[in-house]
Amino acid sequence: AMKANARIPRHHNPGRICVQTIQGHIRMHAGDKLFDLPQGRTLVLDPGITHEVDALEESAFLLFVAPPTTSEG
């Protein structure tokens, strides 16, 4: 959950992520794109994409993180 006008600074995850806004309204900057995620919207990012999150209002979201894949041969 995030309070209005809160920010999660730029970071990345080695696995794929899926973000679904369940309350409020967030905006994600990912790479060189801006994604608007009001309640009910979902965004999936490939592994390693640098991103940041801004809460436009008090918000809650679900974050699913897939472990990075390994190429063991």
C-alpha atoms as a PDB file:
ATOM      1  CA  ALA A   1       0.000   0.000   0.000  1.00  0.00           C
ATOM      2  CA  MET A   2       1.121   3.569  -0.636  1.00  0.00           C
ATOM      3  CA  LYS A   3      -0.023   6.911   0.666  1.00  0.00           C
ATOM      4  CA  ALA A   4      -0.993   9.631  -1.797  1.00  0.00           C
ATOM      5  CA  ASN A   5       2.026  11.264  -3.473  1.00  0.00           C
ATOM      6  CA  ALA A   6       4.399   8.560  -2.187  1.00  0.00           C
ATOM      7  CA  ARG A   7       7.132   7.207  -4.456  1.00  0.00           C
ATOM      8  CA  ILE A   8       9.068   3.974  -4.692  1.00  0.00           C
ATOM      9  CA  PRO A   9      12.384   5.025  -6.268  1.00  0.00           C
ATOM     10  CA  ARG A  10      13.975   3.461  -9.357  1.00  0.00           C
ATOM     11  CA  HIS A  11      14.912  -0.182  -8.930  1.00  0.00           C
ATOM     12  CA  HIS A  12      14.760  -3.468 -10.836  1.00  0.00           C
ATOM     13  CA  ASN A  13      14.057  -7.108 -10.179  1.00  0.00           C
ATOM     14  CA  PRO A  14      15.941 -10.000 -11.765  1.00  0.00           C
ATOM     15  CA  GLY A  15      12.640 -11.825 -12.375  1.00  0.00           C
ATOM     16  CA  ARG A  16       9.467 -10.911 -14.285  1.00  0.00           C
ATOM     17  CA  ILE A  17       6.940  -8.872 -12.255  1.00  0.00           C
ATOM     18  CA  CYS A  18       3.196  -8.357 -12.471  1.00  0.00           C
ATOM     19  CA  VAL A  19       1.542  -5.381 -10.752  1.00  0.00           C
ATOM     20  CA  GLN A  20      -2.241  -5.101 -10.328  1.00  0.00           C
ATOM     21  CA  THR A  21      -3.808  -2.011  -8.762  1.00  0.00           C
ATOM     22  CA  ILE A  22      -6.579  -3.096  -6.386  1.00  0.00           C
ATOM     23  CA  GLN A  23      -7.360   0.338  -4.918  1.00  0.00           C
ATOM     24  CA  GLY A  24      -6.500   3.883  -5.904  1.00  0.00           C
ATOM     25  CA  HIS A  25      -4.303   4.956  -8.797  1.00  0.00           C
ATOM     26  CA  ILE A  26      -0.580   4.473  -9.418  1.00  0.00           C
ATOM     27  CA  ARG A  27       1.745   5.403 -12.254  1.00  0.00           C
ATOM     28  CA  MET A  28       4.820   3.395 -13.189  1.00  0.00           C
ATOM     29  CA  HIS A  29       7.820   4.677 -15.110  1.00  0.00           C
ATOM     30  CA  ALA A  30       9.465   1.643 -16.709  1.00  0.00           C
ATOM     31  CA  GLY A  31      12.384   2.024 -19.058  1.00  0.00           C
ATOM     32  CA  ASP A  32      11.467   5.056 -21.165  1.00  0.00           C
ATOM     33  CA  LYS A  33       7.684   4.523 -20.904  1.00  0.00           C
ATOM     34  CA  LEU A  34       4.991   5.757 -18.531  1.00  0.00           C
ATOM     35  CA  PHE A  35       2.127   3.433 -17.539  1.00  0.00           C
ATOM     36  CA  ASP A  36      -1.084   4.712 -15.958  1.00  0.00           C
ATOM     37  CA  LEU A  37      -2.565   2.070 -13.601  1.00  0.00           C
ATOM     38  CA  PRO A  38      -5.910   3.040 -12.067  1.00  0.00           C
ATOM     39  CA  GLN A  39      -7.825   0.460 -10.030  1.00  0.00           C
ATOM     40  CA  GLY A  40      -8.221  -2.830 -11.916  1.00  0.00           C
ATOM     41  CA  ARG A  41      -5.299  -2.359 -14.324  1.00  0.00           C
ATOM     42  CA  THR A  42      -2.413  -4.816 -14.584  1.00  0.00           C
ATOM     43  CA  LEU A  43       1.122  -4.415 -15.896  1.00  0.00           C
ATOM     44  CA  VAL A  44       3.731  -7.100 -16.549  1.00  0.00           C
ATOM     45  CA  LEU A  45       7.424  -6.179 -16.838  1.00  0.00           C
ATOM     46  CA  ASP A  46      10.176  -8.366 -18.195  1.00  0.00           C
ATOM     47  CA  PRO A  47      13.128  -9.209 -15.951  1.00  0.00           C
ATOM     48  CA  GLY A  48      15.639  -6.463 -15.240  1.00  0.00           C
ATOM     49  CA  ILE A  49      13.476  -3.506 -16.357  1.00  0.00           C
ATOM     50  CA  THR A  50      14.285  -0.478 -14.204  1.00  0.00           C
ATOM     51  CA  HIS A  51      11.086   1.097 -12.866  1.00  0.00           C
ATOM     52  CA  GLU A  52       9.647   3.436 -10.238  1.00  0.00           C
ATOM     53  CA  VAL A  53       6.153   3.796  -8.800  1.00  0.00           C
ATOM     54  CA  ASP A  54       4.213   6.972  -7.952  1.00  0.00           C
ATOM     55  CA  ALA A  55       0.927   6.889  -6.029  1.00  0.00           C
ATOM     56  CA  LEU A  56      -1.417   9.533  -7.407  1.00  0.00           C
ATOM     57  CA  GLU A  57      -3.778   8.856  -4.496  1.00  0.00           C
ATOM     58  CA  GLU A  58      -3.868   6.447  -1.571  1.00  0.00           C
ATOM     59  CA  SER A  59      -3.390   3.103  -3.305  1.00  0.00           C
ATOM     60  CA  ALA A  60      -2.884  -0.609  -2.848  1.00  0.00           C
ATOM     61  CA  PHE A  61      -1.523  -3.051  -5.389  1.00  0.00           C
ATOM     62  CA  LEU A  62      -0.635  -6.701  -5.686  1.00  0.00           C
ATOM     63  CA  LEU A  63       2.913  -7.498  -6.731  1.00  0.00           C
ATOM     64  CA  PHE A  64       3.766 -10.901  -8.159  1.00  0.00           C
ATOM     65  CA  VAL A  65       7.444 -11.700  -8.683  1.00  0.00           C
ATOM     66  CA  ALA A  66       8.589 -14.652 -10.757  1.00  0.00           C
ATOM     67  CA  PRO A  67      12.024 -15.996  -9.875  1.00  0.00           C
ATOM     68  CA  PRO A  68      14.629 -15.400 -12.557  1.00  0.00           C
ATOM     69  CA  THR A  69      15.169 -18.283 -14.918  1.00  0.00           C
ATOM     70  CA  THR A  70      18.493 -20.056 -14.943  1.00  0.00           C
ATOM     71  CA  SER A  71      20.080 -21.841 -17.838  1.00  0.00           C
ATOM     72  CA  GLU A  72      21.584 -24.909 -16.294  1.00  0.00           C
ATOM     73  CA  GLY A  73      22.721 -27.351 -18.861  1.00  0.00           C
END
